[in-house]
Each structure stands twice: as C-alpha cells, then as structure tokens.
PDB file of N, CA and C in Angstrom:
ATOM      1  N   UNK A   1     -43.725  77.251-180.852  1.00  0.00           N
ATOM      2  CA  UNK A   1     -44.042  79.143-180.045  1.00  0.00           C
ATOM      3  C   UNK A   1     -45.328  79.759-180.165  1.00  0.00           C
ATOM      4  N   UNK A   2     -46.871  79.598-179.702  1.00  0.00           N
ATOM      5  CA  UNK A   2     -48.115  80.463-180.216  1.00  0.00           C
ATOM      6  C   UNK A   2     -48.897  80.503-179.210  1.00  0.00           C
ATOM      7  N   UNK A   3     -49.787  81.388-179.582  1.00  0.00           N
ATOM      8  CA  UNK A   3     -50.668  81.803-178.954  1.00  0.00           C
ATOM      9  C   UNK A   3     -51.853  81.638-179.101  1.00  0.00           C
ATOM     10  N   UNK A   4     -52.514  81.149-177.937  1.00  0.00           N
ATOM     11  CA  UNK A   4     -54.372  81.042-178.269  1.00  0.00           C
ATOM     12  C   UNK A   4     -55.055  82.024-177.083  1.00  0.00           C
ATOM     13  N   UNK A   5     -55.966  83.070-178.120  1.00  0.00           N
ATOM     14  CA  UNK A   5     -56.484  83.714-177.242  1.00  0.00           C
ATOM     15  C   UNK A   5     -55.284  84.745-176.969  1.00  0.00           C
ATOM     16  N   UNK A   6     -54.760  85.218-175.529  1.00  0.00           N
ATOM     17  CA  UNK A   6     -53.937  86.443-175.059  1.00  0.00           C
ATOM     18  C   UNK A   6     -52.915  85.165-174.289  1.00  0.00           C
ATOM     19  N   UNK A   7     -52.884  84.152-174.083  1.00  0.00           N
ATOM     20  CA  UNK A   7     -52.256  82.702-173.333  1.00  0.00           C
ATOM     21  C   UNK A   7     -51.144  82.226-174.518  1.00  0.00           C
ATOM     22  N   UNK A   8     -50.232  82.607-173.667  1.00  0.00           N
ATOM     23  CA  UNK A   8     -48.704  82.307-175.075  1.00  0.00           C
ATOM     24  C   UNK A   8     -48.499  81.016-174.424  1.00  0.00           C
ATOM     25  N   UNK A   9     -48.120  79.360-176.033  1.00  0.00           N
ATOM     26  CA  UNK A   9     -48.653  78.843-175.512  1.00  0.00           C
ATOM     27  C   UNK A   9     -47.308  77.844-175.854  1.00  0.00           C
ATOM     28  N   UNK A  10     -46.197  76.906-175.572  1.00  0.00           N
ATOM     29  CA  UNK A  10     -45.180  76.264-175.983  1.00  0.00           C
ATOM     30  C   UNK A  10     -45.718  75.192-176.560  1.00  0.00           C
ATOM     31  N   UNK A  11     -44.905  74.191-177.107  1.00  0.00           N
ATOM     32  CA  UNK A  11     -45.487  72.957-177.619  1.00  0.00           C
ATOM     33  C   UNK A  11     -46.089  73.023-178.594  1.00  0.00           C
ATOM     34  N   UNK A  12     -46.348  73.333-179.923  1.00  0.00           N
ATOM     35  CA  UNK A  12     -47.413  73.488-180.588  1.00  0.00           C
ATOM     36  C   UNK A  12     -46.630  72.752-181.399  1.00  0.00           C
ATOM     37  N   UNK A  13     -47.679  71.401-182.674  1.00  0.00           N
ATOM     38  CA  UNK A  13     -46.627  70.642-183.349  1.00  0.00           C
ATOM     39  C   UNK A  13     -48.071  71.160-184.461  1.00  0.00           C
ATOM     40  N   UNK A  14     -47.296  71.430-185.782  1.00  0.00           N
ATOM     41  CA  UNK A  14     -48.247  71.494-186.955  1.00  0.00           C
ATOM     42  C   UNK A  14     -47.899  70.121-187.545  1.00  0.00           C
ATOM     43  N   UNK A  15     -48.957  69.849-187.864  1.00  0.00           N
ATOM     44  CA  UNK A  15     -48.726  69.010-188.506  1.00  0.00           C
ATOM     45  C   UNK A  15     -50.422  68.333-189.772  1.00  0.00           C
ATOM     46  N   UNK A  16     -50.006  69.268-191.101  1.00  0.00           N
ATOM     47  CA  UNK A  16     -50.545  69.412-192.459  1.00  0.00           C
ATOM     48  C   UNK A  16     -51.159  67.973-192.131  1.00  0.00           C
ATOM     49  N   UNK A  17     -50.565  67.143-192.361  1.00  0.00           N
ATOM     50  CA  UNK A  17     -51.406  65.978-192.604  1.00  0.00           C
ATOM     51  C   UNK A  17     -52.376  65.016-191.614  1.00  0.00           C
ATOM     52  N   UNK A  18     -52.183  65.579-190.735  1.00  0.00           N
ATOM     53  CA  UNK A  18     -52.962  65.157-189.434  1.00  0.00           C
ATOM     54  C   UNK A  18     -54.860  66.101-189.545  1.00  0.00           C
ATOM     55  N   UNK A  19     -55.974  65.577-189.535  1.00  0.00           N
ATOM     56  CA  UNK A  19     -57.286  65.824-190.432  1.00  0.00           C
ATOM     57  C   UNK A  19     -57.930  66.533-188.792  1.00  0.00           C
ATOM     58  N   UNK A  20     -56.991  66.629-187.416  1.00  0.00           N
ATOM     59  CA  UNK A  20     -57.491  67.010-186.884  1.00  0.00           C
ATOM     60  C   UNK A  20     -56.598  67.319-186.033  1.00  0.00           C
ATOM     61  N   UNK A  21     -57.337  68.746-184.854  1.00  0.00           N
ATOM     62  CA  UNK A  21     -56.359  69.116-183.697  1.00  0.00           C
ATOM     63  C   UNK A  21     -56.783  68.633-182.645  1.00  0.00           C
ATOM     64  N   UNK A  22     -56.149  68.378-181.892  1.00  0.00           N
ATOM     65  CA  UNK A  22     -56.361  67.761-180.671  1.00  0.00           C
ATOM     66  C   UNK A  22     -55.125  68.476-179.317  1.00  0.00           C
ATOM     67  N   UNK A  23     -55.658  68.253-178.158  1.00  0.00           N
ATOM     68  CA  UNK A  23     -54.727  68.879-176.792  1.00  0.00           C
ATOM     69  C   UNK A  23     -55.013  67.922-176.101  1.00  0.00           C
ATOM     70  N   UNK A  24     -54.191  68.046-175.109  1.00  0.00           N
ATOM     71  CA  UNK A  24     -54.326  66.988-173.840  1.00  0.00           C
ATOM     72  C   UNK A  24     -54.675  67.675-172.371  1.00  0.00           C
ATOM     73  N   UNK A  25     -55.730  67.152-171.866  1.00  0.00           N
ATOM     74  CA  UNK A  25     -56.157  68.307-170.689  1.00  0.00           C
ATOM     75  C   UNK A  25     -55.517  69.347-169.874  1.00  0.00           C
ATOM     76  N   UNK A  26     -54.007  68.569-169.954  1.00  0.00           N
ATOM     77  CA  UNK A  26     -53.168  69.357-168.953  1.00  0.00           C
ATOM     78  C   UNK A  26     -52.867  70.652-169.992  1.00  0.00           C
ATOM     79  N   UNK A  27     -52.452  70.740-171.367  1.00  0.00           N
ATOM     80  CA  UNK A  27     -52.731  71.432-172.316  1.00  0.00           C
ATOM     81  C   UNK A  27     -54.459  72.563-172.015  1.00  0.00           C
ATOM     82  N   UNK A  28     -55.064  72.044-172.292  1.00  0.00           N
ATOM     83  CA  UNK A  28     -56.100  72.938-172.005  1.00  0.00           C
ATOM     84  C   UNK A  28     -56.073  74.228-170.665  1.00  0.00           C
ATOM     85  N   UNK A  29     -55.814  72.728-169.243  1.00  0.00           N
ATOM     86  CA  UNK A  29     -55.378  73.683-168.163  1.00  0.00           C
ATOM     87  C   UNK A  29     -55.312  74.917-167.945  1.00  0.00           C
ATOM     88  N   UNK A  30     -54.362  74.619-168.707  1.00  0.00           N
ATOM     89  CA  UNK A  30     -52.769  75.443-168.834  1.00  0.00           C
ATOM     90  C   UNK A  30     -53.462  77.354-169.085  1.00  0.00           C
ATOM     91  N   UNK A  31     -54.455  76.807-169.629  1.00  0.00           N
ATOM     92  CA  UNK A  31     -54.983  78.255-170.538  1.00  0.00           C
ATOM     93  C   UNK A  31     -55.462  79.246-169.783  1.00  0.00           C
ATOM     94  N   UNK A  32     -55.964  78.372-168.316  1.00  0.00           N
ATOM     95  CA  UNK A  32     -56.672  79.600-167.233  1.00  0.00           C
ATOM     96  C   UNK A  32     -58.181  78.996-167.824  1.00  0.00           C
ATOM     97  N   UNK A  33     -58.840  80.010-167.047  1.00  0.00           N
ATOM     98  CA  UNK A  33     -60.416  80.362-167.108  1.00  0.00           C
ATOM     99  C   UNK A  33     -60.988  81.758-168.228  1.00  0.00           C
ATOM    100  N   UNK A  34     -59.687  81.750-169.160  1.00  0.00           N
ATOM    101  CA  UNK A  34     -59.903  83.112-169.826  1.00  0.00           C
ATOM    102  C   UNK A  34     -60.473  82.354-171.692  1.00  0.00           C
ATOM    103  N   UNK A  35     -61.091  81.428-171.208  1.00  0.00           N
ATOM    104  CA  UNK A  35     -62.015  80.184-172.384  1.00  0.00           C
ATOM    105  C   UNK A  35     -62.744  79.906-172.362  1.00  0.00           C
ATOM    106  N   UNK A  36     -63.873  79.466-173.333  1.00  0.00           N
ATOM    107  CA  UNK A  36     -65.177  78.939-173.059  1.00  0.00           C
ATOM    108  C   UNK A  36     -64.724  77.533-172.593  1.00  0.00           C
ATOM    109  N   UNK A  37     -66.038  76.858-172.334  1.00  0.00           N
ATOM    110  CA  UNK A  37     -65.705  76.139-171.451  1.00  0.00           C
ATOM    111  C   UNK A  37     -65.438  74.684-172.763  1.00  0.00           C
ATOM    112  N   UNK A  38     -65.466  73.524-172.106  1.00  0.00           N
ATOM    113  CA  UNK A  38     -65.005  72.278-173.420  1.00  0.00           C
ATOM    114  C   UNK A  38     -66.645  71.780-173.460  1.00  0.00           C
ATOM    115  N   UNK A  39     -67.253  72.108-174.553  1.00  0.00           N
ATOM    116  CA  UNK A  39     -68.343  71.432-175.255  1.00  0.00           C
ATOM    117  C   UNK A  39     -68.214  69.683-174.532  1.00  0.00           C
ATOM    118  N   UNK A  40     -68.950  69.297-173.887  1.00  0.00           N
ATOM    119  CA  UNK A  40     -69.136  68.034-174.041  1.00  0.00           C
ATOM    120  C   UNK A  40     -69.610  66.840-175.273  1.00  0.00           C
ATOM    121  N   UNK A  41     -69.110  65.717-175.956  1.00  0.00           N
ATOM    122  CA  UNK A  41     -69.328  65.247-176.836  1.00  0.00           C
ATOM    123  C   UNK A  41     -69.006  63.440-176.179  1.00  0.00           C
ATOM    124  N   UNK A  42     -69.830  62.609-176.123  1.00  0.00           N
ATOM    125  CA  UNK A  42     -69.186  61.149-175.783  1.00  0.00           C
ATOM    126  C   UNK A  42     -70.385  60.580-176.805  1.00  0.00           C
ATOM    127  N   UNK A  43     -70.150  61.179-177.720  1.00  0.00           N
ATOM    128  CA  UNK A  43     -70.712  59.621-179.181  1.00  0.00           C
ATOM    129  C   UNK A  43     -69.999  59.438-180.210  1.00  0.00           C
ATOM    130  N   UNK A  44     -68.978  59.739-179.726  1.00  0.00           N
ATOM    131  CA  UNK A  44     -68.037  59.153-181.217  1.00  0.00           C
ATOM    132  C   UNK A  44     -66.314  58.683-180.414  1.00  0.00           C
ATOM    133  N   UNK A  45     -65.913  58.139-181.654  1.00  0.00           N
ATOM    134  CA  UNK A  45     -64.632  57.948-181.358  1.00  0.00           C
ATOM    135  C   UNK A  45     -63.472  58.350-182.296  1.00  0.00           C
ATOM    136  N   UNK A  46     -62.147  58.920-181.353  1.00  0.00           N
ATOM    137  CA  UNK A  46     -61.303  59.383-182.451  1.00  0.00           C
ATOM    138  C   UNK A  46     -60.200  58.262-183.107  1.00  0.00           C
ATOM    139  N   UNK A  47     -59.322  58.027-183.302  1.00  0.00           N
ATOM    140  CA  UNK A  47     -58.652  57.162-183.812  1.00  0.00           C
ATOM    141  C   UNK A  47     -57.145  58.433-183.597  1.00  0.00           C
ATOM    142  N   UNK A  48     -56.497  58.244-182.638  1.00  0.00           N
ATOM    143  CA  UNK A  48     -55.141  58.508-182.203  1.00  0.00           C
ATOM    144  C   UNK A  48     -54.133  57.709-181.839  1.00  0.00           C
ATOM    145  N   UNK A  49     -53.218  57.495-182.605  1.00  0.00           N
ATOM    146  CA  UNK A  49     -51.775  56.991-181.825  1.00  0.00           C
ATOM    147  C   UNK A  49     -52.537  55.005-181.904  1.00  0.00           C
ATOM    148  N   UNK A  50     -52.763  55.318-183.310  1.00  0.00           N
ATOM    149  CA  UNK A  50     -53.441  53.997-183.321  1.00  0.00           C
ATOM    150  C   UNK A  50     -54.475  52.989-181.990  1.00  0.00           C
ATOM    151  N   UNK A  51     -54.827  53.989-181.352  1.00  0.00           N
ATOM    152  CA  UNK A  51     -56.208  53.825-181.063  1.00  0.00           C
ATOM    153  C   UNK A  51     -57.276  54.430-180.510  1.00  0.00           C
ATOM    154  N   UNK A  52     -58.095  53.723-180.381  1.00  0.00           N
ATOM    155  CA  UNK A  52     -59.510  54.571-180.223  1.00  0.00           C
ATOM    156  C   UNK A  52     -59.880  55.440-179.065  1.00  0.00           C
ATOM    157  N   UNK A  53     -60.209  56.535-178.333  1.00  0.00           N
ATOM    158  CA  UNK A  53     -60.326  57.178-177.867  1.00  0.00           C
ATOM    159  C   UNK A  53     -61.612  57.933-178.232  1.00  0.00           C
ATOM    160  N   UNK A  54     -62.044  57.926-176.626  1.00  0.00           N
ATOM    161  CA  UNK A  54     -63.846  59.112-176.981  1.00  0.00           C
ATOM    162  C   UNK A  54     -62.657  60.179-176.366  1.00  0.00           C
ATOM    163  N   UNK A  55     -63.238  61.089-176.880  1.00  0.00           N
ATOM    164  CA  UNK A  55     -62.678  62.404-176.676  1.00  0.00           C
ATOM    165  C   UNK A  55     -63.345  63.081-175.061  1.00  0.00           C
ATOM    166  N   UNK A  56     -62.944  63.752-174.548  1.00  0.00           N
ATOM    167  CA  UNK A  56     -63.205  64.621-173.321  1.00  0.00           C
ATOM    168  C   UNK A  56     -64.736  65.558-173.658  1.00  0.00           C
ATOM    169  N   UNK A  57     -64.027  66.538-175.138  1.00  0.00           N
ATOM    170  CA  UNK A  57     -65.118  67.485-175.744  1.00  0.00           C
ATOM    171  C   UNK A  57     -64.555  68.192-176.637  1.00  0.00           C
ATOM    172  N   UNK A  58     -65.305  69.440-176.882  1.00  0.00           N
ATOM    173  CA  UNK A  58     -64.242  70.186-177.948  1.00  0.00           C
ATOM    174  C   UNK A  58     -64.527  71.146-177.380  1.00  0.00           C
ATOM    175  N   UNK A  59     -63.456  72.266-177.955  1.00  0.00           N
ATOM    176  CA  UNK A  59     -63.354  73.927-177.756  1.00  0.00           C
ATOM    177  C   UNK A  59     -62.835  73.906-178.873  1.00  0.00           C
ATOM    178  N   UNK A  60     -63.769  75.789-179.060  1.00  0.00           N
ATOM    179  CA  UNK A  60     -62.913  76.562-180.173  1.00  0.00           C
ATOM    180  C   UNK A  60     -62.306  77.619-180.047  1.00  0.00           C
ATOM    181  N   UNK A  61     -61.044  77.435-180.041  1.00  0.00           N
ATOM    182  CA  UNK A  61     -59.813  78.605-179.861  1.00  0.00           C
ATOM    183  C   UNK A  61     -59.378  79.407-180.960  1.00  0.00           C
ATOM    184  N   UNK A  62     -58.925  80.781-180.528  1.00  0.00           N
ATOM    185  CA  UNK A  62     -58.491  81.718-181.771  1.00  0.00           C
ATOM    186  C   UNK A  62     -56.965  81.488-181.287  1.00  0.00           C
ATOM    187  N   UNK A  63     -56.578  80.974-182.076  1.00  0.00           N
ATOM    188  CA  UNK A  63     -54.818  80.463-182.563  1.00  0.00           C
ATOM    189  C   UNK A  63     -53.831  81.435-183.500  1.00  0.00           C
ATOM    190  N   UNK A  64     -52.761  82.514-182.984  1.00  0.00           N
ATOM    191  CA  UNK A  64     -51.654  82.818-183.905  1.00  0.00           C
ATOM    192  C   UNK A  64     -50.664  82.215-184.021  1.00  0.00           C
ATOM    193  N   UNK A  65     -50.023  81.809-184.855  1.00  0.00           N
ATOM    194  CA  UNK A  65     -48.675  81.438-184.601  1.00  0.00           C
ATOM    195  C   UNK A  65     -47.718  82.273-185.930  1.00  0.00           C
ATOM    196  N   UNK A  66     -46.617  82.951-185.557  1.00  0.00           N
ATOM    197  CA  UNK A  66     -46.531  84.536-186.084  1.00  0.00           C
ATOM    198  C   UNK A  66     -47.398  84.767-187.108  1.00  0.00           C
ATOM    199  N   UNK A  67     -47.271  85.005-188.235  1.00  0.00           N
ATOM    200  CA  UNK A  67     -48.239  85.987-188.880  1.00  0.00           C
ATOM    201  C   UNK A  67     -49.661  85.043-188.843  1.00  0.00           C
ATOM    202  N   UNK A  68     -49.959  84.119-188.709  1.00  0.00           N
ATOM    203  CA  UNK A  68     -51.130  83.157-188.796  1.00  0.00           C
ATOM    204  C   UNK A  68     -52.288  83.218-188.068  1.00  0.00           C
ATOM    205  N   UNK A  69     -53.285  83.409-188.000  1.00  0.00           N
ATOM    206  CA  UNK A  69     -53.767  83.732-187.285  1.00  0.00           C
ATOM    207  C   UNK A  69     -55.376  82.521-187.935  1.00  0.00           C
ATOM    208  N   UNK A  70     -56.310  81.832-187.132  1.00  0.00           N
ATOM    209  CA  UNK A  70     -56.922  80.838-186.961  1.00  0.00           C
ATOM    210  C   UNK A  70     -57.849  80.199-185.844  1.00  0.00           C
ATOM    211  N   UNK A  71     -59.148  80.667-186.086  1.00  0.00           N
ATOM    212  CA  UNK A  71     -59.961  79.713-184.952  1.00  0.00           C
ATOM    213  C   UNK A  71     -59.848  78.378-185.888  1.00  0.00           C
ATOM    214  N   UNK A  72     -59.830  77.502-184.435  1.00  0.00           N
ATOM    215  CA  UNK A  72     -59.767  75.732-184.443  1.00  0.00           C
ATOM    216  C   UNK A  72     -60.623  75.448-183.701  1.00  0.00           C
ATOM    217  N   UNK A  73     -61.402  74.125-184.377  1.00  0.00           N
ATOM    218  CA  UNK A  73     -62.192  73.279-182.951  1.00  0.00           C
ATOM    219  C   UNK A  73     -60.761  72.580-183.111  1.00  0.00           C
ATOM    220  N   UNK A  74     -60.750  72.326-181.712  1.00  0.00           N
ATOM    221  CA  UNK A  74     -59.777  71.601-180.910  1.00  0.00           C
ATOM    222  C   UNK A  74     -60.415  70.483-180.251  1.00  0.00           C
ATOM    223  N   UNK A  75     -59.777  69.402-180.411  1.00  0.00           N
ATOM    224  CA  UNK A  75     -60.856  67.605-179.285  1.00  0.00           C
ATOM    225  C   UNK A  75     -60.066  68.038-178.287  1.00  0.00           C
ATOM    226  N   UNK A  76     -60.076  68.133-177.369  1.00  0.00           N
ATOM    227  CA  UNK A  76     -59.374  67.681-175.664  1.00  0.00           C
ATOM    228  C   UNK A  76     -59.659  66.355-175.956  1.00  0.00           C
ATOM    229  N   UNK A  77     -58.085  65.038-175.574  1.00  0.00           N
ATOM    230  CA  UNK A  77     -59.128  64.000-175.423  1.00  0.00           C
ATOM    231  C   UNK A  77     -57.449  63.149-174.053  1.00  0.00           C
ATOM    232  N   UNK A  78     -57.381  62.225-173.795  1.00  0.00           N
ATOM    233  CA  UNK A  78     -56.751  61.527-172.491  1.00  0.00           C
ATOM    234  C   UNK A  78     -55.451  61.287-173.439  1.00  0.00           C
ATOM    235  N   UNK A  79     -54.275  61.587-173.571  1.00  0.00           N
ATOM    236  CA  UNK A  79     -53.630  61.094-174.408  1.00  0.00           C
ATOM    237  C   UNK A  79     -51.661  61.247-173.890  1.00  0.00           C
ATOM    238  N   UNK A  80     -51.562  60.847-174.355  1.00  0.00           N
ATOM    239  CA  UNK A  80     -49.507  60.912-173.735  1.00  0.00           C
ATOM    240  C   UNK A  80     -48.819  61.045-174.833  1.00  0.00           C
ATOM    241  N   UNK A  81     -49.079  62.415-174.973  1.00  0.00           N
ATOM    242  CA  UNK A  81     -48.375  63.786-175.999  1.00  0.00           C
ATOM    243  C   UNK A  81     -47.332  64.676-175.495  1.00  0.00           C
ATOM    244  N   UNK A  82     -46.484  64.866-175.852  1.00  0.00           N
ATOM    245  CA  UNK A  82     -45.792  65.582-175.549  1.00  0.00           C
ATOM    246  C   UNK A  82     -45.614  67.145-176.739  1.00  0.00           C
ATOM    247  N   UNK A  83     -46.847  66.946-176.941  1.00  0.00           N
ATOM    248  CA  UNK A  83     -47.219  68.919-177.020  1.00  0.00           C
ATOM    249  C   UNK A  83     -48.517  69.377-176.398  1.00  0.00           C
ATOM    250  N   UNK A  84     -48.614  70.950-176.230  1.00  0.00           N
ATOM    251  CA  UNK A  84     -49.588  71.415-175.461  1.00  0.00           C
ATOM    252  C   UNK A  84     -50.714  71.216-176.885  1.00  0.00           C
ATOM    253  N   UNK A  85     -50.998  71.542-177.607  1.00  0.00           N
ATOM    254  CA  UNK A  85     -51.920  71.390-178.521  1.00  0.00           C
ATOM    255  C   UNK A  85     -50.869  70.810-180.309  1.00  0.00           C
ATOM    256  N   UNK A  86     -51.507  70.215-181.163  1.00  0.00           N
ATOM    257  CA  UNK A  86     -51.505  69.535-182.094  1.00  0.00           C
ATOM    258  C   UNK A  86     -52.372  69.892-183.277  1.00  0.00           C
ATOM    259  N   UNK A  87     -51.847  70.690-184.371  1.00  0.00           N
ATOM    260  CA  UNK A  87     -52.566  71.135-184.789  1.00  0.00           C
ATOM    261  C   UNK A  87     -52.716  70.720-186.256  1.00  0.00           C
ATOM    262  N   UNK A  88     -54.086  70.023-186.660  1.00  0.00           N
ATOM    263  CA  UNK A  88     -54.172  69.672-187.962  1.00  0.00           C
ATOM    264  C   UNK A  88     -54.222  70.152-189.267  1.00  0.00           C
TER     265      UNK A  88
END
C-alpha cells in the first residue's frame, strides 16, 4: 500500500531486481484525472514475462511508500499482472 500523489494505491510490488517500473492501464485509470497524461512512445519494446510488448507510454509519478518518497518514471503496458504498480 502506498500513495501516488494524493491517491491511495493498493497492490504495489517492489522488486529491486527489476530494471523498470510498470503499471497496467487499470492501475493508471484508478488514479483519476489528478496526474499528467501518458507520454506516448511506440518506437521500442519492453521485455516482460518473457514476451516483448510495446508500451502504451510512460508517465512520471510521485510515489510514497511509508517514509520513502520518490519520483518514478513508469511505463504503462498492456500486461496481465496482479499489481496496480510494479516498482523496479
């Protein structure tokens, strides 16, 4: 559990071995209209779950988990994950 901006977000996975931070579209939609829109990118693939996928885009998020606060660049991808946010 943590916060993105002022929005409380559950199901956050922190994986220090993962190089990127990713979020599925439902996780992004749950933030409402309080955040910057997704910056579109379509010229590269991300490898996730042994599959190449083209990200919908990326977004910079201000995250807070307990006492840790950080601005994170997060890639929004169509992936079937059980988290609202995976922080690498």
